[in-house]
Amino acid sequence: MIEWDLPTPHILSWMVEPEAIDELGHANNAAYIRWLEQVAWSHTEALGLGLDVYRQLNRCFVARRTEVEYLAPAFEGERLQLGTWIVENDRRISMVRQYQVVREQDGVTLLRGNTRWVCVAMDSGKPRRMPHEFIDGYPLTQKES
């Protein structure tokens, strides 16, 4: 049983591939960053805000700052559960996505982190206000009381 930090995460199952393993025999820190991007994009698509919508709106989110706390290593062949939530949305230009990576076998949390995403125009890369599709489409996770 996985104990998620917040209720109702968007979850992506993942297998640690050989390419993720570094010289020390465990998943490299850069692999975790790629996994976080994968679960973020999976969540975005599940919310109905895929690349086609981004292009129509000429808006997308780019990572401004990512913070991660590596808690335990992942090894080749392990199955992981990547969870994510929207924990802040200023409804103007940025939102924060929180992550938790859990090893399926024993429920150990391997990583906690978050990314601040900034809304930009796709054609210029310059920060722009969120369209209503982003304001309404990226709902905040309601924390349990």
C-alpha atoms as a PDB file:
ATOM      1  CA  MET A   1       0.000   0.000   0.000  1.00  0.00           C
ATOM      2  CA  ILE A   2       1.462   3.342  -1.049  1.00  0.00           C
ATOM      3  CA  GLU A   3       1.144   6.252   1.342  1.00  0.00           C
ATOM      4  CA  TRP A   4       0.884   9.330  -0.848  1.00  0.00           C
ATOM      5  CA  ASP A   5       1.748  12.722   0.599  1.00  0.00           C
ATOM      6  CA  LEU A   6      -1.506  14.205  -0.744  1.00  0.00           C
ATOM      7  CA  PRO A   7      -4.805  12.657  -1.832  1.00  0.00           C
ATOM      8  CA  THR A   8      -5.648  11.586  -5.379  1.00  0.00           C
ATOM      9  CA  PRO A   9      -2.326  11.892  -7.205  1.00  0.00           C
ATOM     10  CA  HIS A  10      -2.052  11.520 -10.927  1.00  0.00           C
ATOM     11  CA  ILE A  11       0.022   8.338 -11.147  1.00  0.00           C
ATOM     12  CA  LEU A  12       2.332   7.061 -13.842  1.00  0.00           C
ATOM     13  CA  SER A  13       3.836   3.566 -13.488  1.00  0.00           C
ATOM     14  CA  TRP A  14       7.472   3.347 -14.492  1.00  0.00           C
ATOM     15  CA  MET A  15      10.129   0.661 -14.854  1.00  0.00           C
ATOM     16  CA  VAL A  16      13.746   1.646 -14.168  1.00  0.00           C
ATOM     17  CA  GLU A  17      15.482   1.029 -17.496  1.00  0.00           C
ATOM     18  CA  PRO A  18      19.178   0.112 -17.910  1.00  0.00           C
ATOM     19  CA  GLU A  19      19.835   3.537 -19.515  1.00  0.00           C
ATOM     20  CA  ALA A  20      18.915   5.233 -16.211  1.00  0.00           C
ATOM     21  CA  ILE A  21      21.686   3.462 -14.295  1.00  0.00           C
ATOM     22  CA  ASP A  22      24.955   5.293 -13.699  1.00  0.00           C
ATOM     23  CA  GLU A  23      28.475   4.219 -12.757  1.00  0.00           C
ATOM     24  CA  LEU A  24      27.419   3.825  -9.120  1.00  0.00           C
ATOM     25  CA  GLY A  25      24.869   1.151 -10.052  1.00  0.00           C
ATOM     26  CA  HIS A  26      21.683   3.083  -9.329  1.00  0.00           C
ATOM     27  CA  ALA A  27      19.407   5.481 -11.192  1.00  0.00           C
ATOM     28  CA  ASN A  28      21.202   8.709 -11.988  1.00  0.00           C
ATOM     29  CA  ASN A  29      19.759  11.942 -10.609  1.00  0.00           C
ATOM     30  CA  ALA A  30      19.166  13.221 -14.145  1.00  0.00           C
ATOM     31  CA  ALA A  31      16.913  10.196 -14.818  1.00  0.00           C
ATOM     32  CA  TYR A  32      14.632  11.285 -11.983  1.00  0.00           C
ATOM     33  CA  ILE A  33      14.245  14.726 -13.570  1.00  0.00           C
ATOM     34  CA  ARG A  34      13.202  13.078 -16.847  1.00  0.00           C
ATOM     35  CA  TRP A  35      10.697  10.924 -14.946  1.00  0.00           C
ATOM     36  CA  LEU A  36       9.205  13.993 -13.267  1.00  0.00           C
ATOM     37  CA  GLU A  37       8.761  15.604 -16.669  1.00  0.00           C
ATOM     38  CA  GLN A  38       7.072  12.429 -17.940  1.00  0.00           C
ATOM     39  CA  VAL A  39       4.535  12.313 -15.101  1.00  0.00           C
ATOM     40  CA  ALA A  40       3.869  16.063 -15.449  1.00  0.00           C
ATOM     41  CA  TRP A  41       3.175  15.673 -19.161  1.00  0.00           C
ATOM     42  CA  SER A  42       1.039  12.568 -18.547  1.00  0.00           C
ATOM     43  CA  HIS A  43      -1.044  14.577 -16.076  1.00  0.00           C
ATOM     44  CA  THR A  44      -1.352  17.496 -18.502  1.00  0.00           C
ATOM     45  CA  GLU A  45      -2.626  15.165 -21.217  1.00  0.00           C
ATOM     46  CA  ALA A  46      -5.042  13.475 -18.783  1.00  0.00           C
ATOM     47  CA  LEU A  47      -6.462  16.938 -18.027  1.00  0.00           C
ATOM     48  CA  GLY A  48      -7.152  17.415 -21.749  1.00  0.00           C
ATOM     49  CA  LEU A  49      -4.404  19.983 -22.229  1.00  0.00           C
ATOM     50  CA  GLY A  50      -2.104  18.193 -24.658  1.00  0.00           C
ATOM     51  CA  LEU A  51       0.242  19.642 -27.238  1.00  0.00           C
ATOM     52  CA  ASP A  52      -2.564  20.410 -29.721  1.00  0.00           C
ATOM     53  CA  VAL A  53      -4.310  22.630 -27.156  1.00  0.00           C
ATOM     54  CA  TYR A  54      -1.021  24.299 -26.272  1.00  0.00           C
ATOM     55  CA  ARG A  55      -0.442  25.090 -29.946  1.00  0.00           C
ATOM     56  CA  GLN A  56      -3.994  26.424 -30.441  1.00  0.00           C
ATOM     57  CA  LEU A  57      -3.560  28.721 -27.437  1.00  0.00           C
ATOM     58  CA  ASN A  58       0.048  29.644 -28.292  1.00  0.00           C
ATOM     59  CA  ARG A  59       0.800  28.989 -24.616  1.00  0.00           C
ATOM     60  CA  CYS A  60       2.751  26.381 -22.710  1.00  0.00           C
ATOM     61  CA  PHE A  61       4.450  25.920 -19.379  1.00  0.00           C
ATOM     62  CA  VAL A  62       8.217  25.877 -18.983  1.00  0.00           C
ATOM     63  CA  ALA A  63      10.107  24.850 -15.871  1.00  0.00           C
ATOM     64  CA  ARG A  64      11.432  27.797 -13.908  1.00  0.00           C
ATOM     65  CA  ARG A  65      12.751  26.013 -10.835  1.00  0.00           C
ATOM     66  CA  THR A  66      12.834  22.380  -9.739  1.00  0.00           C
ATOM     67  CA  GLU A  67      13.724  21.229  -6.246  1.00  0.00           C
ATOM     68  CA  VAL A  68      14.227  17.570  -5.438  1.00  0.00           C
ATOM     69  CA  GLU A  69      15.083  15.642  -2.325  1.00  0.00           C
ATOM     70  CA  TYR A  70      16.612  12.271  -3.156  1.00  0.00           C
ATOM     71  CA  LEU A  71      15.692   9.926  -0.316  1.00  0.00           C
ATOM     72  CA  ALA A  72      16.695   6.446  -1.528  1.00  0.00           C
ATOM     73  CA  PRO A  73      18.151   4.907  -4.695  1.00  0.00           C
ATOM     74  CA  ALA A  74      16.277   3.156  -7.497  1.00  0.00           C
ATOM     75  CA  PHE A  75      17.793   0.171  -9.272  1.00  0.00           C
ATOM     76  CA  GLU A  76      17.413  -1.401 -12.702  1.00  0.00           C
ATOM     77  CA  GLY A  77      14.203  -3.350 -13.140  1.00  0.00           C
ATOM     78  CA  GLU A  78      12.376  -1.825 -10.187  1.00  0.00           C
ATOM     79  CA  ARG A  79       8.806  -0.684 -10.725  1.00  0.00           C
ATOM     80  CA  LEU A  80       8.060   2.846  -9.567  1.00  0.00           C
ATOM     81  CA  GLN A  81       4.911   4.843  -9.058  1.00  0.00           C
ATOM     82  CA  LEU A  82       5.339   8.517  -9.979  1.00  0.00           C
ATOM     83  CA  GLY A  83       2.724  10.738  -8.367  1.00  0.00           C
ATOM     84  CA  THR A  84       2.029  14.413  -9.037  1.00  0.00           C
ATOM     85  CA  TRP A  85      -0.327  17.153  -7.894  1.00  0.00           C
ATOM     86  CA  ILE A  86      -0.936  20.829  -8.659  1.00  0.00           C
ATOM     87  CA  VAL A  87      -0.377  22.520  -5.295  1.00  0.00           C
ATOM     88  CA  GLU A  88      -0.275  26.196  -6.360  1.00  0.00           C
ATOM     89  CA  ASN A  89      -1.786  28.096  -9.261  1.00  0.00           C
ATOM     90  CA  ASP A  90      -1.630  31.890  -9.098  1.00  0.00           C
ATOM     91  CA  ARG A  91      -4.128  32.014 -11.987  1.00  0.00           C
ATOM     92  CA  ARG A  92      -1.872  34.537 -13.712  1.00  0.00           C
ATOM     93  CA  ILE A  93       1.510  33.231 -14.805  1.00  0.00           C
ATOM     94  CA  SER A  94       2.761  30.326 -12.702  1.00  0.00           C
ATOM     95  CA  MET A  95       1.849  27.123 -10.959  1.00  0.00           C
ATOM     96  CA  VAL A  96       3.666  24.625  -8.776  1.00  0.00           C
ATOM     97  CA  ARG A  97       3.530  20.891  -9.281  1.00  0.00           C
ATOM     98  CA  GLN A  98       4.537  18.555  -6.451  1.00  0.00           C
ATOM     99  CA  TYR A  99       5.980  15.068  -7.008  1.00  0.00           C
ATOM    100  CA  GLN A 100       6.520  11.864  -5.100  1.00  0.00           C
ATOM    101  CA  VAL A 101       8.345   8.818  -6.480  1.00  0.00           C
ATOM    102  CA  VAL A 102       7.618   5.532  -4.697  1.00  0.00           C
ATOM    103  CA  ARG A 103       9.126   2.084  -5.184  1.00  0.00           C
ATOM    104  CA  GLU A 104       6.192  -0.243  -5.807  1.00  0.00           C
ATOM    105  CA  GLN A 105       7.745  -3.326  -4.154  1.00  0.00           C
ATOM    106  CA  ASP A 106       8.029  -1.902  -0.635  1.00  0.00           C
ATOM    107  CA  GLY A 107       6.260   1.472  -0.726  1.00  0.00           C
ATOM    108  CA  VAL A 108       9.444   3.399   0.053  1.00  0.00           C
ATOM    109  CA  THR A 109       9.429   7.021  -1.106  1.00  0.00           C
ATOM    110  CA  LEU A 110      12.563   7.554  -3.195  1.00  0.00           C
ATOM    111  CA  LEU A 111      12.082  11.229  -4.043  1.00  0.00           C
ATOM    112  CA  ARG A 112       9.988  14.258  -3.174  1.00  0.00           C
ATOM    113  CA  GLY A 113      10.121  17.402  -5.220  1.00  0.00           C
ATOM    114  CA  ASN A 114       8.365  20.279  -6.887  1.00  0.00           C
ATOM    115  CA  THR A 115       8.620  22.424  -9.981  1.00  0.00           C
ATOM    116  CA  ARG A 116       7.474  25.982 -10.523  1.00  0.00           C
ATOM    117  CA  TRP A 117       6.120  26.208 -14.073  1.00  0.00           C
ATOM    118  CA  VAL A 118       5.745  29.542 -15.880  1.00  0.00           C
ATOM    119  CA  CYS A 119       3.266  30.184 -18.683  1.00  0.00           C
ATOM    120  CA  VAL A 120       4.928  31.459 -21.860  1.00  0.00           C
ATOM    121  CA  ALA A 121       3.930  32.190 -25.443  1.00  0.00           C
ATOM    122  CA  MET A 122       5.111  29.313 -27.618  1.00  0.00           C
ATOM    123  CA  ASP A 123       6.101  31.589 -30.493  1.00  0.00           C
ATOM    124  CA  SER A 124       8.311  33.895 -28.437  1.00  0.00           C
ATOM    125  CA  GLY A 125       9.141  32.075 -25.219  1.00  0.00           C
ATOM    126  CA  LYS A 126       8.150  35.199 -23.279  1.00  0.00           C
ATOM    127  CA  PRO A 127       6.044  34.989 -20.112  1.00  0.00           C
ATOM    128  CA  ARG A 128       2.335  35.526 -20.747  1.00  0.00           C
ATOM    129  CA  ARG A 129      -0.818  35.383 -18.640  1.00  0.00           C
ATOM    130  CA  MET A 130      -2.520  32.019 -18.471  1.00  0.00           C
ATOM    131  CA  PRO A 131      -5.508  31.559 -20.739  1.00  0.00           C
ATOM    132  CA  HIS A 132      -8.718  30.531 -18.967  1.00  0.00           C
ATOM    133  CA  GLU A 133      -8.143  26.977 -20.243  1.00  0.00           C
ATOM    134  CA  PHE A 134      -5.077  26.775 -17.967  1.00  0.00           C
ATOM    135  CA  ILE A 135      -6.744  28.551 -15.048  1.00  0.00           C
ATOM    136  CA  ASP A 136      -9.682  26.146 -15.133  1.00  0.00           C
ATOM    137  CA  GLY A 137      -7.814  23.127 -16.483  1.00  0.00           C
ATOM    138  CA  TYR A 138      -5.095  22.790 -13.839  1.00  0.00           C
ATOM    139  CA  PRO A 139      -7.100  22.315 -10.626  1.00  0.00           C
ATOM    140  CA  LEU A 140      -5.467  22.529  -7.236  1.00  0.00           C
ATOM    141  CA  THR A 141      -5.231  19.381  -5.155  1.00  0.00           C
ATOM    142  CA  GLN A 142      -7.517  19.677  -2.169  1.00  0.00           C
ATOM    143  CA  LYS A 143      -5.563  18.752   0.966  1.00  0.00           C
ATOM    144  CA  GLU A 144      -7.256  16.533   3.502  1.00  0.00           C
ATOM    145  CA  SER A 145      -8.276  18.276   6.704  1.00  0.00           C
END
